[in-house]
Amino acid sequence: MLHELEIRAFEPDDTARLVAIWRAASEKGHPFFTAEQLDAQAALVGEHYLPLAETHVAQRDGEILGFISLLDQVIGGLFVDPCCHATGIGRQLVEHAARLRPQLELEVYTLNGSARRFYDRLGFAETGRRPTDDNGLPFELIKLVR
């Protein structure tokens, strides 16, 4: 029997597991990045982004399965272990964040079609685009708001 999904606040001891989830989900959702680019970003996630953001962790039976990181009303990251994709964990994390913030916004890579469809289903609307990502790489981003 599957137990209830618990969403709790991030704890520093969660870092290694969250970076592992980030890496696995990024390899699946962002195949346009090289392994070296993902290595560099993984270090930033663990050392910089997780400590700065308000992060909420989804777990079941003590196993961390995903997380959402907020910077004010911006979803800085939403990542679920690929073995648990399409099981409702991402939706529950977004709904949890929506209870904490009256408006949510984020950017998603145009090339990440599954993420774009996921956010469409959750009622996010496109409000703009930019041609390069935060690292100046030529990967278009779509700004979404709900």
C-alpha atoms as a PDB file:
ATOM      1  CA  MET A   1       0.000   0.000   0.000  1.00  0.00           C
ATOM      2  CA  LEU A   2       1.309   3.429  -0.943  1.00  0.00           C
ATOM      3  CA  HIS A   3       1.313   5.874   1.893  1.00  0.00           C
ATOM      4  CA  GLU A   4       0.394   9.524   1.718  1.00  0.00           C
ATOM      5  CA  LEU A   5       2.855  11.925   0.130  1.00  0.00           C
ATOM      6  CA  GLU A   6       4.339  14.270   2.716  1.00  0.00           C
ATOM      7  CA  ILE A   7       5.604  17.724   1.779  1.00  0.00           C
ATOM      8  CA  ARG A   8       7.982  19.276   4.274  1.00  0.00           C
ATOM      9  CA  ALA A   9      10.601  22.004   4.507  1.00  0.00           C
ATOM     10  CA  PHE A  10      14.079  21.381   3.102  1.00  0.00           C
ATOM     11  CA  GLU A  11      16.783  20.367   5.539  1.00  0.00           C
ATOM     12  CA  PRO A  12      20.513  20.644   4.724  1.00  0.00           C
ATOM     13  CA  ASP A  13      20.869  16.851   5.014  1.00  0.00           C
ATOM     14  CA  ASP A  14      18.541  16.581   1.975  1.00  0.00           C
ATOM     15  CA  THR A  15      21.063  18.256  -0.336  1.00  0.00           C
ATOM     16  CA  ALA A  16      22.745  15.173  -1.826  1.00  0.00           C
ATOM     17  CA  ARG A  17      19.422  13.479  -2.627  1.00  0.00           C
ATOM     18  CA  LEU A  18      17.943  16.659  -4.130  1.00  0.00           C
ATOM     19  CA  VAL A  19      20.991  17.197  -6.334  1.00  0.00           C
ATOM     20  CA  ALA A  20      20.729  13.560  -7.486  1.00  0.00           C
ATOM     21  CA  ILE A  21      17.045  14.070  -8.359  1.00  0.00           C
ATOM     22  CA  TRP A  22      17.891  17.348 -10.095  1.00  0.00           C
ATOM     23  CA  ARG A  23      20.587  15.614 -12.155  1.00  0.00           C
ATOM     24  CA  ALA A  24      18.439  12.634 -13.186  1.00  0.00           C
ATOM     25  CA  ALA A  25      15.458  14.830 -14.072  1.00  0.00           C
ATOM     26  CA  SER A  26      17.675  17.320 -15.918  1.00  0.00           C
ATOM     27  CA  GLU A  27      19.260  14.574 -18.009  1.00  0.00           C
ATOM     28  CA  LYS A  28      15.761  13.494 -19.045  1.00  0.00           C
ATOM     29  CA  GLY A  29      14.182  16.935 -19.509  1.00  0.00           C
ATOM     30  CA  HIS A  30      17.211  18.845 -20.757  1.00  0.00           C
ATOM     31  CA  PRO A  31      19.065  16.449 -23.087  1.00  0.00           C
ATOM     32  CA  PHE A  32      20.430  19.455 -24.981  1.00  0.00           C
ATOM     33  CA  PHE A  33      22.926  20.115 -22.147  1.00  0.00           C
ATOM     34  CA  THR A  34      26.310  18.391 -22.143  1.00  0.00           C
ATOM     35  CA  ALA A  35      27.427  16.288 -19.183  1.00  0.00           C
ATOM     36  CA  GLU A  36      29.961  19.005 -18.337  1.00  0.00           C
ATOM     37  CA  GLN A  37      27.258  21.692 -18.312  1.00  0.00           C
ATOM     38  CA  LEU A  38      25.095  19.531 -16.035  1.00  0.00           C
ATOM     39  CA  ASP A  39      28.058  18.893 -13.710  1.00  0.00           C
ATOM     40  CA  ALA A  40      28.649  22.630 -13.337  1.00  0.00           C
ATOM     41  CA  GLN A  41      24.953  23.324 -12.775  1.00  0.00           C
ATOM     42  CA  ALA A  42      24.661  20.483 -10.237  1.00  0.00           C
ATOM     43  CA  ALA A  43      27.390  22.077  -8.135  1.00  0.00           C
ATOM     44  CA  LEU A  44      25.508  25.396  -8.220  1.00  0.00           C
ATOM     45  CA  VAL A  45      22.246  23.702  -7.252  1.00  0.00           C
ATOM     46  CA  GLY A  46      23.768  22.122  -4.158  1.00  0.00           C
ATOM     47  CA  GLU A  47      26.044  24.935  -3.045  1.00  0.00           C
ATOM     48  CA  HIS A  48      24.131  28.042  -4.083  1.00  0.00           C
ATOM     49  CA  TYR A  49      20.499  27.621  -5.123  1.00  0.00           C
ATOM     50  CA  LEU A  50      19.188  25.212  -2.479  1.00  0.00           C
ATOM     51  CA  PRO A  51      20.550  27.269   0.450  1.00  0.00           C
ATOM     52  CA  LEU A  52      19.114  30.505  -0.998  1.00  0.00           C
ATOM     53  CA  ALA A  53      15.670  29.269  -1.993  1.00  0.00           C
ATOM     54  CA  GLU A  54      12.641  28.287   0.031  1.00  0.00           C
ATOM     55  CA  THR A  55      12.564  24.600  -0.827  1.00  0.00           C
ATOM     56  CA  HIS A  56       9.839  22.070  -0.086  1.00  0.00           C
ATOM     57  CA  VAL A  57      10.547  18.347  -0.306  1.00  0.00           C
ATOM     58  CA  ALA A  58       8.084  15.610  -1.281  1.00  0.00           C
ATOM     59  CA  GLN A  59       8.631  12.269   0.387  1.00  0.00           C
ATOM     60  CA  ARG A  60       6.803   9.005   0.873  1.00  0.00           C
ATOM     61  CA  ASP A  61       7.768   6.508   3.558  1.00  0.00           C
ATOM     62  CA  GLY A  62      10.898   8.573   4.275  1.00  0.00           C
ATOM     63  CA  GLU A  63      12.123   8.498   0.661  1.00  0.00           C
ATOM     64  CA  ILE A  64      12.576  11.876  -1.015  1.00  0.00           C
ATOM     65  CA  LEU A  65      10.913  11.808  -4.438  1.00  0.00           C
ATOM     66  CA  GLY A  66      10.959  15.445  -5.549  1.00  0.00           C
ATOM     67  CA  PHE A  67      11.188  19.089  -4.581  1.00  0.00           C
ATOM     68  CA  ILE A  68      10.117  22.606  -5.465  1.00  0.00           C
ATOM     69  CA  SER A  69      12.231  25.701  -4.801  1.00  0.00           C
ATOM     70  CA  LEU A  70      10.724  29.168  -4.543  1.00  0.00           C
ATOM     71  CA  LEU A  71      12.367  32.572  -4.812  1.00  0.00           C
ATOM     72  CA  ASP A  72       9.527  34.863  -3.734  1.00  0.00           C
ATOM     73  CA  GLN A  73       6.738  33.923  -6.195  1.00  0.00           C
ATOM     74  CA  VAL A  74       9.130  32.397  -8.752  1.00  0.00           C
ATOM     75  CA  ILE A  75       9.423  28.633  -9.033  1.00  0.00           C
ATOM     76  CA  GLY A  76      13.188  28.416  -9.363  1.00  0.00           C
ATOM     77  CA  GLY A  77      13.033  24.661  -9.745  1.00  0.00           C
ATOM     78  CA  LEU A  78      10.594  21.767  -9.735  1.00  0.00           C
ATOM     79  CA  PHE A  79      12.179  18.363 -10.030  1.00  0.00           C
ATOM     80  CA  VAL A  80      10.788  14.869  -9.491  1.00  0.00           C
ATOM     81  CA  ASP A  81      12.733  11.619  -9.629  1.00  0.00           C
ATOM     82  CA  PRO A  82      12.168  10.321 -13.186  1.00  0.00           C
ATOM     83  CA  CYS A  83      10.973   6.967 -11.794  1.00  0.00           C
ATOM     84  CA  CYS A  84       8.043   8.908 -10.317  1.00  0.00           C
ATOM     85  CA  HIS A  85       7.142  11.122 -13.271  1.00  0.00           C
ATOM     86  CA  ALA A  86       3.426  11.256 -14.111  1.00  0.00           C
ATOM     87  CA  THR A  87       2.391  10.106 -10.624  1.00  0.00           C
ATOM     88  CA  GLY A  88       1.053  13.451  -9.357  1.00  0.00           C
ATOM     89  CA  ILE A  89       4.054  14.457  -7.247  1.00  0.00           C
ATOM     90  CA  GLY A  90       4.893  17.497  -9.380  1.00  0.00           C
ATOM     91  CA  ARG A  91       1.260  18.617  -9.351  1.00  0.00           C
ATOM     92  CA  GLN A  92       1.097  18.272  -5.557  1.00  0.00           C
ATOM     93  CA  LEU A  93       4.293  20.308  -5.164  1.00  0.00           C
ATOM     94  CA  VAL A  94       2.932  23.089  -7.392  1.00  0.00           C
ATOM     95  CA  GLU A  95      -0.388  23.103  -5.522  1.00  0.00           C
ATOM     96  CA  HIS A  96       1.515  23.275  -2.232  1.00  0.00           C
ATOM     97  CA  ALA A  97       3.439  26.307  -3.534  1.00  0.00           C
ATOM     98  CA  ALA A  98       0.182  27.878  -4.762  1.00  0.00           C
ATOM     99  CA  ARG A  99      -1.182  27.736  -1.221  1.00  0.00           C
ATOM    100  CA  LEU A 100       1.878  29.717  -0.090  1.00  0.00           C
ATOM    101  CA  ARG A 101       1.919  32.318  -2.895  1.00  0.00           C
ATOM    102  CA  PRO A 102      -1.003  34.153  -4.531  1.00  0.00           C
ATOM    103  CA  GLN A 103       0.800  34.084  -7.889  1.00  0.00           C
ATOM    104  CA  LEU A 104       3.438  31.750  -9.263  1.00  0.00           C
ATOM    105  CA  GLU A 105       5.759  32.310 -12.197  1.00  0.00           C
ATOM    106  CA  LEU A 106       8.618  30.407 -13.785  1.00  0.00           C
ATOM    107  CA  GLU A 107      10.612  29.930 -16.932  1.00  0.00           C
ATOM    108  CA  VAL A 108      10.768  26.677 -18.846  1.00  0.00           C
ATOM    109  CA  TYR A 109      12.946  25.697 -21.776  1.00  0.00           C
ATOM    110  CA  THR A 110      11.060  25.692 -25.067  1.00  0.00           C
ATOM    111  CA  LEU A 111      12.808  22.402 -25.871  1.00  0.00           C
ATOM    112  CA  ASN A 112      11.354  20.744 -22.745  1.00  0.00           C
ATOM    113  CA  GLY A 113       7.994  19.806 -24.233  1.00  0.00           C
ATOM    114  CA  SER A 114       6.867  17.601 -21.362  1.00  0.00           C
ATOM    115  CA  ALA A 115       7.377  20.420 -18.839  1.00  0.00           C
ATOM    116  CA  ARG A 116       5.536  22.859 -21.086  1.00  0.00           C
ATOM    117  CA  ARG A 117       2.545  20.485 -21.308  1.00  0.00           C
ATOM    118  CA  PHE A 118       2.671  19.887 -17.527  1.00  0.00           C
ATOM    119  CA  TYR A 119       2.449  23.605 -16.752  1.00  0.00           C
ATOM    120  CA  ASP A 120      -0.280  24.099 -19.378  1.00  0.00           C
ATOM    121  CA  ARG A 121      -2.380  21.460 -17.593  1.00  0.00           C
ATOM    122  CA  LEU A 122      -1.875  23.326 -14.309  1.00  0.00           C
ATOM    123  CA  GLY A 123      -3.201  26.584 -15.732  1.00  0.00           C
ATOM    124  CA  PHE A 124       0.012  28.501 -16.365  1.00  0.00           C
ATOM    125  CA  ALA A 125      -0.114  31.021 -19.216  1.00  0.00           C
ATOM    126  CA  GLU A 126       2.759  32.213 -21.384  1.00  0.00           C
ATOM    127  CA  THR A 127       3.674  35.861 -20.800  1.00  0.00           C
ATOM    128  CA  GLY A 128       6.915  36.125 -22.744  1.00  0.00           C
ATOM    129  CA  ARG A 129      10.028  34.505 -24.141  1.00  0.00           C
ATOM    130  CA  ARG A 130      13.734  35.150 -24.183  1.00  0.00           C
ATOM    131  CA  PRO A 131      16.226  33.686 -26.654  1.00  0.00           C
ATOM    132  CA  THR A 132      18.992  32.699 -24.218  1.00  0.00           C
ATOM    133  CA  ASP A 133      19.164  31.126 -20.785  1.00  0.00           C
ATOM    134  CA  ASP A 134      20.829  32.526 -17.649  1.00  0.00           C
ATOM    135  CA  ASN A 135      24.210  31.293 -18.876  1.00  0.00           C
ATOM    136  CA  GLY A 136      23.833  33.048 -22.231  1.00  0.00           C
ATOM    137  CA  LEU A 137      23.337  29.741 -24.042  1.00  0.00           C
ATOM    138  CA  PRO A 138      21.046  29.766 -27.092  1.00  0.00           C
ATOM    139  CA  PHE A 139      18.195  27.840 -25.443  1.00  0.00           C
ATOM    140  CA  GLU A 140      14.927  29.769 -25.570  1.00  0.00           C
ATOM    141  CA  LEU A 141      12.961  30.144 -22.349  1.00  0.00           C
ATOM    142  CA  ILE A 142       9.225  30.690 -21.988  1.00  0.00           C
ATOM    143  CA  LYS A 143       7.955  32.761 -19.059  1.00  0.00           C
ATOM    144  CA  LEU A 144       4.782  31.318 -17.502  1.00  0.00           C
ATOM    145  CA  VAL A 145       2.472  32.791 -14.858  1.00  0.00           C
ATOM    146  CA  ARG A 146      -0.431  31.419 -12.852  1.00  0.00           C
END
